[in-house]
Amino acid sequence: MPSPTPSTPRVAVLADSDTRWKWGASTAYRIHPEARLDGYLLRGRATPTVRQLTEIGARAQTLREIRGIDFLDLMRADAGSAEPYDTVVLSLVGGGVQAMLHGLARAWEGTDRRPAVVTGYVGVVYEKLADGLLLRHGADVVLANSRHDADRFREVYRGVGADDSAVTECALPFLGGDRYTGEHAPYTVVFAAQPSVPDNRADRAYLLRRAVEHARTHPGREVLIKLRSKPGEHTTHIEELPYQKLAAKLPGGLPANCRLVYGNMGEVLDRTDLMVTVSSTAALESLHRGVPTAVLTDLGIREVLGNHHFLGSGCLASWDDLDAGHRPAPDPAWLARQGVCADGSYPHAFDAVREKVAALRSAGPLPPLTPYYTPRTAPGYLPGILARYGLDSRGVPVAGYGPEGGEAPGGLRRVARDAVRDAARGAYRHGVQRVAPVIRRWGQL
């Protein structure tokens, strides 16, 4: 992590899950390689655990959990400090970005100088394109992870008559690692599991069974089932049917050459000879490094699965193909449009972003943040989004959501508050992973 100096840019990253923290911190360092980075983890159902943060490896000068309204209060105070933040990265779900944009617009009213606000997407954008983009409109910079995405983003903004100048093409900020140079010993196949794709027991059990059968068909290979989280943890997407539980019920268990693994994806890719997934962003990471990559067609090529994003990639294949020895070969033109940067251009992928942010910083006072959604353009939609984050339609905290920092709680009070919060979070996760699936099954009877 860079050491701060008097001229070091100060950057704040607000993230609401493990993968969004990874994206946000990585993006901050791509824009400001020498940044002093302060990390803020939005308190909620997906706030990452210490294990998840350690696995990600993204570092910050400071890191704390915070409520959205307290982040806004902090930004209000920071804007009047001697050395205010230069850049704020909002690495949140779309509704969170929208709420923070309105809250920040209110918090920075009347200030002579405010930070540049940057936002974007963690990975492949294959659903809710218009919804997610319009919720991010109003930031100074909306990052597009590829030329393909940049074209689509601008088209959406122009389609509603909104300014599209914030859209800036780049690439995923966490690509990297050594290029694939040939087979390892043993030959290693990695199935990158996803928390919510597919979303039903039968399909998830099928994918697990096929991975296990591949290991049995090829006893000389090692098959790793790469998992995102452990039971009880949450990621960007809710995982109701963890593969750990499905694996525990397999007749005969996992063969000796097949196992569940955790850890940093970059480290797993160091030993991967074939990446297999339905539609995980891990496919883009492996393609960047030249690792043979298969996007599964077993469950169909469907928008709900996200694998339709890979049409034309040359990577679509079934487990039957892979069992027979097929190794997909990606299409170079598709890779170029998708920001994979497999041609060695990655070091320059963030040049345009750095130039834009530098221009914003040197342009003098920035104009107020002006999201497309307002009480006039979306009176039946925006208030509900803001309310979920404790804000009224003007971006002001509602009664009962005052800042926590006004009175330091005593030791017993703080312990009680933390215990209640942890219990509530645990109850929520129990409901998501155990109760909700049962209720849904009852509804299907």
Protein backbone atom coordinates (compact mmCIF):
# COMPACT_ATOMS: atom_id res chain seq x y z
CA MET A 1 0.00 0.00 0.00
CA PRO A 2 1.47 3.38 -0.97
CA SER A 3 2.75 5.67 1.80
CA PRO A 4 0.93 9.01 1.92
CA THR A 5 2.70 12.29 1.23
CA PRO A 6 1.37 15.86 1.54
CA SER A 7 0.38 15.80 -2.16
CA THR A 8 -1.06 12.27 -2.11
CA PRO A 9 -4.65 12.14 -3.42
CA ARG A 10 -7.19 11.21 -0.78
CA VAL A 11 -9.81 8.71 -1.87
CA ALA A 12 -12.86 7.36 -0.06
CA VAL A 13 -14.41 4.06 -1.17
CA LEU A 14 -17.89 3.11 0.02
CA ALA A 15 -18.73 -0.56 -0.66
CA ASP A 16 -21.58 -2.85 0.39
CA SER A 17 -20.15 -6.36 -0.19
CA ASP A 18 -16.90 -8.28 -0.54
CA THR A 19 -16.71 -8.17 -4.33
CA ARG A 20 -17.73 -4.53 -4.47
CA TRP A 21 -15.01 -3.69 -1.97
CA LYS A 22 -12.56 -5.50 -4.22
CA TRP A 23 -13.78 -3.54 -7.25
CA GLY A 24 -13.92 -0.21 -5.44
CA ALA A 25 -10.46 -0.41 -3.87
CA SER A 26 -8.90 -1.73 -7.08
CA THR A 27 -10.55 1.05 -9.08
CA ALA A 28 -9.29 3.69 -6.65
CA TYR A 29 -5.70 2.49 -7.05
CA ARG A 30 -6.04 2.30 -10.85
CA ILE A 31 -7.11 5.95 -10.88
CA HIS A 32 -4.73 7.12 -8.16
CA PRO A 33 -1.84 4.64 -7.83
CA GLU A 34 -0.38 6.60 -4.90
CA ALA A 35 -3.68 7.25 -3.16
CA ARG A 36 -4.34 7.41 0.53
CA LEU A 37 -7.41 5.18 0.58
CA ASP A 38 -10.02 5.20 3.32
CA GLY A 39 -12.46 2.31 3.07
CA TYR A 40 -16.05 2.41 4.32
CA LEU A 41 -18.15 -0.76 4.41
CA LEU A 42 -21.85 0.02 4.24
CA ARG A 43 -23.60 -1.75 7.08
CA GLY A 44 -26.08 -4.31 5.79
CA ARG A 45 -26.79 -7.95 5.05
CA ALA A 46 -23.68 -8.39 2.87
CA THR A 47 -21.10 -6.54 4.96
CA PRO A 48 -17.97 -8.68 4.43
CA THR A 49 -16.38 -10.68 7.23
CA VAL A 50 -12.74 -10.45 8.26
CA ARG A 51 -12.07 -13.72 6.40
CA GLN A 52 -13.60 -12.36 3.21
CA LEU A 53 -11.62 -9.13 3.45
CA THR A 54 -8.40 -11.09 3.99
CA GLU A 55 -9.15 -13.32 1.01
CA ILE A 56 -9.76 -10.33 -1.27
CA GLY A 57 -6.44 -8.77 -0.33
CA ALA A 58 -7.43 -5.18 -1.19
CA ARG A 59 -5.85 -2.88 1.36
CA ALA A 60 -6.73 0.56 2.70
CA GLN A 61 -5.14 3.08 5.04
CA THR A 62 -8.26 2.87 7.19
CA LEU A 63 -11.30 0.59 7.03
CA ARG A 64 -14.52 0.84 9.02
CA GLU A 65 -18.16 -0.22 8.93
CA ILE A 66 -20.62 2.64 8.58
CA ARG A 67 -24.24 3.52 7.95
CA GLY A 68 -25.07 5.41 4.78
CA ILE A 69 -26.31 8.52 6.58
CA ASP A 70 -23.15 8.59 8.72
CA PHE A 71 -21.04 8.41 5.55
CA LEU A 72 -22.95 11.42 4.23
CA ASP A 73 -22.37 13.29 7.49
CA LEU A 74 -18.67 12.48 7.28
CA MET A 75 -18.52 13.71 3.66
CA ARG A 76 -20.24 16.94 4.67
CA ALA A 77 -17.66 17.58 7.36
CA ASP A 78 -14.73 16.51 5.19
CA ALA A 79 -15.66 18.95 2.41
CA GLY A 80 -14.85 21.81 4.78
CA SER A 81 -11.54 20.36 6.01
CA ALA A 82 -8.05 21.55 5.09
CA GLU A 83 -7.40 18.47 2.94
CA PRO A 84 -10.74 17.13 1.67
CA TYR A 85 -11.11 13.97 -0.37
CA ASP A 86 -10.17 14.26 -4.02
CA THR A 87 -12.27 11.30 -5.21
CA VAL A 88 -15.15 9.26 -3.83
CA VAL A 89 -15.79 5.80 -5.31
CA LEU A 90 -19.32 4.46 -4.81
CA SER A 91 -19.11 0.68 -5.16
CA LEU A 92 -22.68 -0.21 -4.32
CA VAL A 93 -25.82 -1.79 -5.70
CA GLY A 94 -27.67 0.63 -7.99
CA GLY A 95 -30.15 1.79 -5.35
CA GLY A 96 -27.29 2.50 -2.96
CA VAL A 97 -25.49 4.60 -5.56
CA GLN A 98 -28.67 6.60 -6.25
CA ALA A 99 -29.30 7.23 -2.56
CA MET A 100 -25.72 8.35 -1.96
CA LEU A 101 -25.79 10.66 -5.01
CA HIS A 102 -28.86 12.45 -3.66
CA GLY A 103 -27.45 12.49 -0.14
CA LEU A 104 -24.08 13.83 -1.30
CA ALA A 105 -25.75 16.49 -3.44
CA ARG A 106 -27.48 17.72 -0.31
CA ALA A 107 -24.41 17.30 1.92
CA TRP A 108 -22.20 19.35 -0.41
CA GLU A 109 -24.62 22.21 -0.97
CA GLY A 110 -22.79 25.52 -0.62
CA THR A 111 -19.29 24.00 -0.51
CA ASP A 112 -16.52 25.59 -2.57
CA ARG A 113 -15.01 22.26 -3.48
CA ARG A 114 -16.27 18.71 -3.64
CA PRO A 115 -14.64 15.42 -4.67
CA ALA A 116 -15.14 13.78 -8.04
CA VAL A 117 -17.62 10.90 -7.71
CA VAL A 118 -16.89 7.64 -9.54
CA THR A 119 -19.09 4.55 -9.85
CA GLY A 120 -19.54 1.52 -12.11
CA TYR A 121 -20.15 -2.22 -12.15
CA VAL A 122 -18.29 -5.10 -10.51
CA GLY A 123 -18.40 -7.41 -13.53
CA VAL A 124 -20.52 -8.61 -16.42
CA VAL A 125 -23.65 -6.49 -16.97
CA TYR A 126 -26.20 -8.96 -18.28
CA GLU A 127 -29.47 -7.91 -16.65
CA LYS A 128 -31.36 -4.77 -15.57
CA LEU A 129 -29.25 -2.63 -17.89
CA ALA A 130 -31.50 0.44 -18.01
CA ASP A 131 -32.52 0.18 -14.35
CA GLY A 132 -28.98 -0.12 -13.02
CA LEU A 133 -27.56 2.57 -15.31
CA LEU A 134 -30.18 5.19 -14.51
CA LEU A 135 -29.64 4.54 -10.81
CA ARG A 136 -25.96 5.36 -11.36
CA HIS A 137 -26.59 8.48 -13.43
CA GLY A 138 -25.44 11.66 -11.74
CA ALA A 139 -21.93 10.52 -10.85
CA ASP A 140 -19.10 12.45 -12.50
CA VAL A 141 -17.67 9.22 -13.90
CA VAL A 142 -19.61 6.05 -14.74
CA LEU A 143 -17.09 3.37 -15.61
CA ALA A 144 -17.76 0.88 -18.40
CA ASN A 145 -15.63 -2.25 -18.23
CA SER A 146 -15.43 -2.62 -22.02
CA ARG A 147 -16.08 -0.91 -25.34
CA HIS A 148 -19.23 -3.02 -25.62
CA ASP A 149 -20.52 -1.73 -22.28
CA ALA A 150 -19.56 1.88 -23.04
CA ASP A 151 -21.64 1.82 -26.24
CA ARG A 152 -24.63 0.32 -24.43
CA PHE A 153 -24.38 2.73 -21.50
CA ARG A 154 -24.33 5.80 -23.75
CA GLU A 155 -27.27 4.48 -25.73
CA VAL A 156 -29.36 4.14 -22.56
CA TYR A 157 -28.54 7.66 -21.34
CA ARG A 158 -29.18 9.21 -24.73
CA GLY A 159 -32.43 7.28 -24.96
CA VAL A 160 -33.88 9.16 -21.99
CA GLY A 161 -32.31 12.47 -22.94
CA ALA A 162 -29.74 12.33 -20.14
CA ASP A 163 -26.14 13.52 -20.32
CA ASP A 164 -23.84 10.62 -21.27
CA SER A 165 -20.51 12.40 -20.85
CA ALA A 166 -19.78 10.59 -17.58
CA VAL A 167 -19.50 7.19 -19.31
CA THR A 168 -15.83 6.29 -19.56
CA GLU A 169 -14.40 3.11 -21.04
CA CYS A 170 -11.86 1.14 -19.04
CA ALA A 171 -11.56 -2.54 -17.99
CA LEU A 172 -12.13 -4.56 -14.84
CA PRO A 173 -9.66 -3.13 -12.32
CA PHE A 174 -8.60 -6.47 -10.83
CA LEU A 175 -7.37 -8.20 -13.98
CA GLY A 176 -3.74 -9.27 -13.87
CA GLY A 177 -1.42 -12.14 -13.11
CA ASP A 178 0.99 -14.15 -15.24
CA ARG A 179 -0.02 -15.37 -18.69
CA TYR A 180 -0.85 -19.05 -19.02
CA THR A 181 2.17 -20.88 -20.46
CA GLY A 182 1.08 -24.51 -20.50
CA GLU A 183 -0.29 -27.43 -18.56
CA HIS A 184 0.44 -27.94 -14.90
CA ALA A 185 1.03 -31.19 -13.07
CA PRO A 186 -1.57 -32.30 -12.30
CA TYR A 187 -3.79 -30.79 -14.99
CA THR A 188 -6.22 -28.62 -13.03
CA VAL A 189 -9.84 -27.87 -13.88
CA VAL A 190 -11.55 -25.12 -11.87
CA PHE A 191 -15.33 -24.81 -11.69
CA ALA A 192 -16.06 -21.23 -10.59
CA ALA A 193 -19.34 -21.48 -8.68
CA GLN A 194 -21.73 -18.54 -8.38
CA PRO A 195 -23.92 -17.73 -5.37
CA SER A 196 -27.16 -17.25 -7.29
CA VAL A 197 -26.61 -18.74 -10.77
CA PRO A 198 -28.33 -21.09 -11.19
CA ASP A 199 -30.83 -20.37 -8.45
CA ASN A 200 -32.48 -23.75 -7.85
CA ARG A 201 -31.39 -26.96 -6.15
CA ALA A 202 -31.82 -29.26 -9.15
CA ASP A 203 -29.59 -27.22 -11.45
CA ARG A 204 -26.93 -26.59 -8.81
CA ALA A 205 -26.88 -30.29 -7.90
CA TYR A 206 -26.54 -31.11 -11.61
CA LEU A 207 -23.51 -28.84 -12.06
CA LEU A 208 -21.86 -30.27 -8.97
CA ARG A 209 -22.52 -33.82 -10.14
CA ARG A 210 -21.01 -33.11 -13.55
CA ALA A 211 -17.88 -31.62 -11.99
CA VAL A 212 -17.54 -34.72 -9.81
CA GLU A 213 -18.11 -37.02 -12.80
CA HIS A 214 -15.43 -35.13 -14.73
CA ALA A 215 -13.00 -35.83 -11.90
CA ARG A 216 -13.90 -39.53 -11.96
CA THR A 217 -13.64 -39.68 -15.74
CA HIS A 218 -10.18 -38.07 -15.60
CA PRO A 219 -8.48 -39.44 -12.45
CA GLY A 220 -5.20 -37.82 -13.51
CA ARG A 221 -6.76 -34.37 -13.30
CA GLU A 222 -7.47 -32.26 -10.24
CA VAL A 223 -10.94 -30.67 -10.17
CA LEU A 224 -11.37 -27.69 -7.88
CA ILE A 225 -14.80 -26.29 -7.07
CA LYS A 226 -14.03 -22.66 -6.31
CA LEU A 227 -16.51 -21.19 -3.84
CA ARG A 228 -17.09 -17.55 -3.07
CA SER A 229 -18.16 -17.80 0.56
CA LYS A 230 -18.59 -20.11 3.50
CA PRO A 231 -22.05 -20.92 4.92
CA GLY A 232 -23.35 -17.93 6.86
CA GLU A 233 -21.33 -15.41 4.84
CA HIS A 234 -22.83 -13.26 2.13
CA THR A 235 -21.44 -11.84 -1.07
CA THR A 236 -22.87 -9.43 -3.63
CA HIS A 237 -25.58 -12.03 -4.40
CA ILE A 238 -27.51 -14.10 -1.89
CA GLU A 239 -26.62 -17.80 -1.85
CA GLU A 240 -29.58 -19.84 -0.68
CA LEU A 241 -28.19 -23.24 -1.71
CA PRO A 242 -24.48 -23.43 -0.84
CA TYR A 243 -22.49 -26.04 -2.75
CA GLN A 244 -20.94 -27.13 0.55
CA LYS A 245 -24.31 -28.50 1.66
CA LEU A 246 -24.97 -30.15 -1.68
CA ALA A 247 -21.54 -31.78 -1.65
CA ALA A 248 -22.14 -33.15 1.85
CA LYS A 249 -25.11 -35.13 0.48
CA LEU A 250 -23.32 -36.66 -2.52
CA PRO A 251 -23.44 -40.48 -2.47
CA GLY A 252 -19.90 -41.60 -1.76
CA GLY A 253 -18.71 -38.04 -1.24
CA LEU A 254 -16.16 -36.23 -3.40
CA PRO A 255 -13.46 -38.30 -5.11
CA ALA A 256 -9.88 -37.80 -3.98
CA ASN A 257 -9.06 -35.59 -6.97
CA CYS A 258 -12.01 -33.24 -6.44
CA ARG A 259 -12.35 -30.74 -3.63
CA LEU A 260 -13.94 -27.50 -2.54
CA VAL A 261 -11.59 -24.53 -2.33
CA TYR A 262 -11.69 -20.91 -1.24
CA GLY A 263 -9.12 -18.19 -1.62
CA ASN A 264 -8.15 -15.36 -3.92
CA MET A 265 -9.20 -16.06 -7.53
CA GLY A 266 -5.88 -14.77 -8.87
CA GLU A 267 -4.00 -17.35 -6.82
CA VAL A 268 -6.34 -20.12 -7.96
CA LEU A 269 -5.80 -19.09 -11.60
CA ASP A 270 -2.03 -19.46 -11.13
CA ARG A 271 -2.54 -23.23 -11.27
CA THR A 272 -5.58 -23.46 -13.57
CA ASP A 273 -5.49 -25.26 -16.94
CA LEU A 274 -9.22 -25.05 -17.68
CA MET A 275 -11.69 -22.58 -16.19
CA VAL A 276 -15.34 -23.70 -16.21
CA THR A 277 -18.30 -21.55 -15.20
CA VAL A 278 -21.85 -20.60 -16.08
CA SER A 279 -21.26 -16.86 -16.28
CA SER A 280 -18.88 -15.79 -13.51
CA THR A 281 -16.63 -12.75 -13.92
CA ALA A 282 -13.86 -15.27 -13.26
CA ALA A 283 -14.20 -16.18 -16.94
CA LEU A 284 -12.98 -12.71 -17.91
CA GLU A 285 -10.10 -12.97 -15.44
CA SER A 286 -9.01 -16.31 -16.91
CA LEU A 287 -9.41 -15.12 -20.51
CA HIS A 288 -7.24 -12.12 -19.70
CA ARG A 289 -4.48 -14.49 -18.67
CA GLY A 290 -4.93 -16.80 -21.65
CA VAL A 291 -6.29 -19.71 -19.59
CA PRO A 292 -8.62 -21.98 -21.63
CA THR A 293 -12.13 -21.05 -20.54
CA ALA A 294 -15.48 -22.82 -20.94
CA VAL A 295 -18.86 -21.15 -20.42
CA LEU A 296 -21.37 -23.92 -19.82
CA THR A 297 -24.38 -24.48 -22.06
CA ASP A 298 -25.74 -27.47 -20.14
CA LEU A 299 -28.64 -25.49 -18.66
CA GLY A 300 -29.30 -23.61 -21.87
CA ILE A 301 -28.07 -20.22 -23.07
CA ARG A 302 -30.44 -17.90 -21.23
CA GLU A 303 -30.52 -14.32 -20.00
CA VAL A 304 -31.38 -15.47 -16.49
CA LEU A 305 -28.10 -17.41 -16.38
CA GLY A 306 -26.02 -14.63 -17.90
CA ASN A 307 -24.18 -16.94 -20.28
CA HIS A 308 -25.83 -15.22 -23.23
CA HIS A 309 -23.24 -12.50 -22.64
CA PHE A 310 -20.66 -14.89 -24.09
CA LEU A 311 -22.37 -15.38 -27.44
CA GLY A 312 -19.71 -15.12 -30.13
CA SER A 313 -16.89 -15.61 -27.61
CA GLY A 314 -15.94 -19.10 -28.78
CA CYS A 315 -16.10 -20.25 -25.16
CA LEU A 316 -19.53 -21.88 -25.05
CA ALA A 317 -19.30 -25.61 -24.31
CA SER A 318 -21.01 -28.40 -22.38
CA TRP A 319 -19.65 -30.78 -19.76
CA ASP A 320 -19.93 -33.52 -22.40
CA ASP A 321 -17.58 -31.51 -24.63
CA LEU A 322 -15.13 -31.04 -21.78
CA ASP A 323 -15.29 -34.71 -20.76
CA ALA A 324 -14.30 -35.55 -24.35
CA GLY A 325 -11.24 -33.31 -24.13
CA HIS A 326 -12.49 -30.10 -25.80
CA ARG A 327 -10.60 -26.89 -24.98
CA PRO A 328 -12.45 -23.78 -26.18
CA ALA A 329 -10.51 -21.17 -28.19
CA PRO A 330 -11.72 -17.57 -27.65
CA ASP A 331 -12.48 -15.22 -30.54
CA PRO A 332 -9.94 -12.33 -30.57
CA ALA A 333 -12.47 -9.78 -31.84
CA TRP A 334 -14.89 -10.65 -29.03
CA LEU A 335 -12.11 -10.36 -26.43
CA ALA A 336 -11.17 -6.90 -27.74
CA ARG A 337 -14.74 -5.57 -27.44
CA GLN A 338 -15.25 -7.05 -23.97
CA GLY A 339 -12.33 -5.32 -22.26
CA VAL A 340 -10.43 -8.53 -21.59
CA CYS A 341 -7.18 -6.91 -22.77
CA ALA A 342 -5.60 -10.26 -23.62
CA ASP A 343 -3.42 -8.48 -26.19
CA GLY A 344 -1.20 -6.71 -23.65
CA SER A 345 -3.09 -3.40 -23.70
CA TYR A 346 -4.18 -3.60 -20.05
CA PRO A 347 -1.57 -1.14 -18.68
CA HIS A 348 -3.31 1.60 -20.70
CA ALA A 349 -6.90 0.57 -19.94
CA PHE A 350 -7.33 3.27 -17.30
CA ASP A 351 -5.56 6.14 -19.07
CA ALA A 352 -8.85 7.79 -20.11
CA VAL A 353 -10.26 7.49 -16.58
CA ARG A 354 -7.17 9.02 -15.00
CA GLU A 355 -7.26 11.87 -17.50
CA LYS A 356 -10.95 12.56 -16.85
CA VAL A 357 -10.58 12.55 -13.06
CA ALA A 358 -7.48 14.76 -13.29
CA ALA A 359 -9.41 17.22 -15.48
CA LEU A 360 -12.25 17.28 -12.95
CA ARG A 361 -9.82 17.95 -10.10
CA SER A 362 -8.15 20.84 -11.93
CA ALA A 363 -11.33 22.42 -13.29
CA GLY A 364 -12.15 24.37 -10.15
CA PRO A 365 -15.44 23.99 -8.27
CA LEU A 366 -17.46 21.13 -9.71
CA PRO A 367 -21.17 21.60 -10.44
CA PRO A 368 -23.74 20.03 -8.14
CA LEU A 369 -24.51 16.35 -8.61
CA THR A 370 -27.64 16.05 -10.77
CA PRO A 371 -29.00 12.48 -11.03
CA TYR A 372 -31.54 11.74 -13.76
CA TYR A 373 -34.02 10.45 -11.19
CA THR A 374 -35.69 13.25 -9.22
CA PRO A 375 -39.04 13.60 -7.43
CA ARG A 376 -40.28 14.98 -10.77
CA THR A 377 -38.96 12.29 -13.16
CA ALA A 378 -39.63 9.28 -10.89
CA PRO A 379 -42.07 10.30 -8.12
CA GLY A 380 -43.31 6.73 -7.68
CA TYR A 381 -39.86 5.10 -7.62
CA LEU A 382 -37.21 7.38 -6.15
CA PRO A 383 -38.73 7.99 -2.69
CA GLY A 384 -38.79 4.26 -1.93
CA ILE A 385 -35.13 3.88 -2.91
CA LEU A 386 -34.06 6.83 -0.76
CA ALA A 387 -36.16 5.64 2.18
CA ARG A 388 -34.30 2.32 2.27
CA TYR A 389 -31.18 4.31 3.08
CA GLY A 390 -32.82 6.60 5.62
CA LEU A 391 -33.29 9.60 3.32
CA ASP A 392 -36.33 11.64 2.35
CA SER A 393 -37.05 12.75 -1.22
CA ARG A 394 -34.67 15.72 -0.79
CA GLY A 395 -31.73 13.52 0.26
CA VAL A 396 -32.05 14.54 3.92
CA PRO A 397 -31.94 11.93 6.74
CA VAL A 398 -35.43 11.17 8.00
CA ALA A 399 -36.37 11.40 11.65
CA GLY A 400 -34.83 8.60 13.68
CA TYR A 401 -31.80 8.24 11.42
CA GLY A 402 -29.59 10.82 13.10
CA PRO A 403 -25.77 10.38 13.04
CA GLU A 404 -24.39 7.81 15.45
CA GLY A 405 -21.33 9.86 16.31
CA GLY A 406 -23.12 12.54 18.37
CA GLU A 407 -22.77 10.61 21.62
CA ALA A 408 -20.15 7.97 22.27
CA PRO A 409 -21.98 4.98 23.74
CA GLY A 410 -20.77 3.55 26.99
CA GLY A 411 -19.11 0.14 27.13
CA LEU A 412 -22.20 -1.84 28.13
CA ARG A 413 -24.44 0.08 25.75
CA ARG A 414 -22.01 -0.45 22.88
CA VAL A 415 -21.73 -4.19 23.59
CA ALA A 416 -25.51 -4.50 23.73
CA ARG A 417 -25.95 -2.54 20.50
CA ASP A 418 -23.36 -4.65 18.68
CA ALA A 419 -24.84 -7.88 20.02
CA VAL A 420 -28.33 -6.91 18.84
CA ARG A 421 -26.99 -5.92 15.41
CA ASP A 422 -25.03 -9.17 15.03
CA ALA A 423 -28.03 -11.21 16.15
CA ALA A 424 -30.26 -9.43 13.68
CA ARG A 425 -27.79 -9.99 10.88
CA GLY A 426 -27.49 -13.67 11.80
CA ALA A 427 -31.27 -14.03 11.91
CA TYR A 428 -31.56 -12.42 8.49
CA ARG A 429 -28.98 -14.78 7.02
CA HIS A 430 -30.71 -17.77 8.61
CA GLY A 431 -33.98 -16.64 7.09
CA VAL A 432 -32.43 -16.21 3.65
CA GLN A 433 -30.55 -19.51 3.62
CA ARG A 434 -32.96 -21.80 5.47
CA VAL A 435 -36.46 -20.42 5.99
CA ALA A 436 -37.06 -18.66 2.64
CA PRO A 437 -36.19 -21.71 0.49
CA VAL A 438 -38.53 -23.88 2.57
CA ILE A 439 -41.38 -21.39 2.20
CA ARG A 440 -40.82 -21.28 -1.55
CA ARG A 441 -40.93 -25.10 -1.73
CA TRP A 442 -44.19 -25.07 0.23
CA GLY A 443 -45.58 -22.61 -2.29
CA GLN A 444 -44.79 -25.05 -5.11
CA LEU A 445 -46.69 -27.94 -3.55
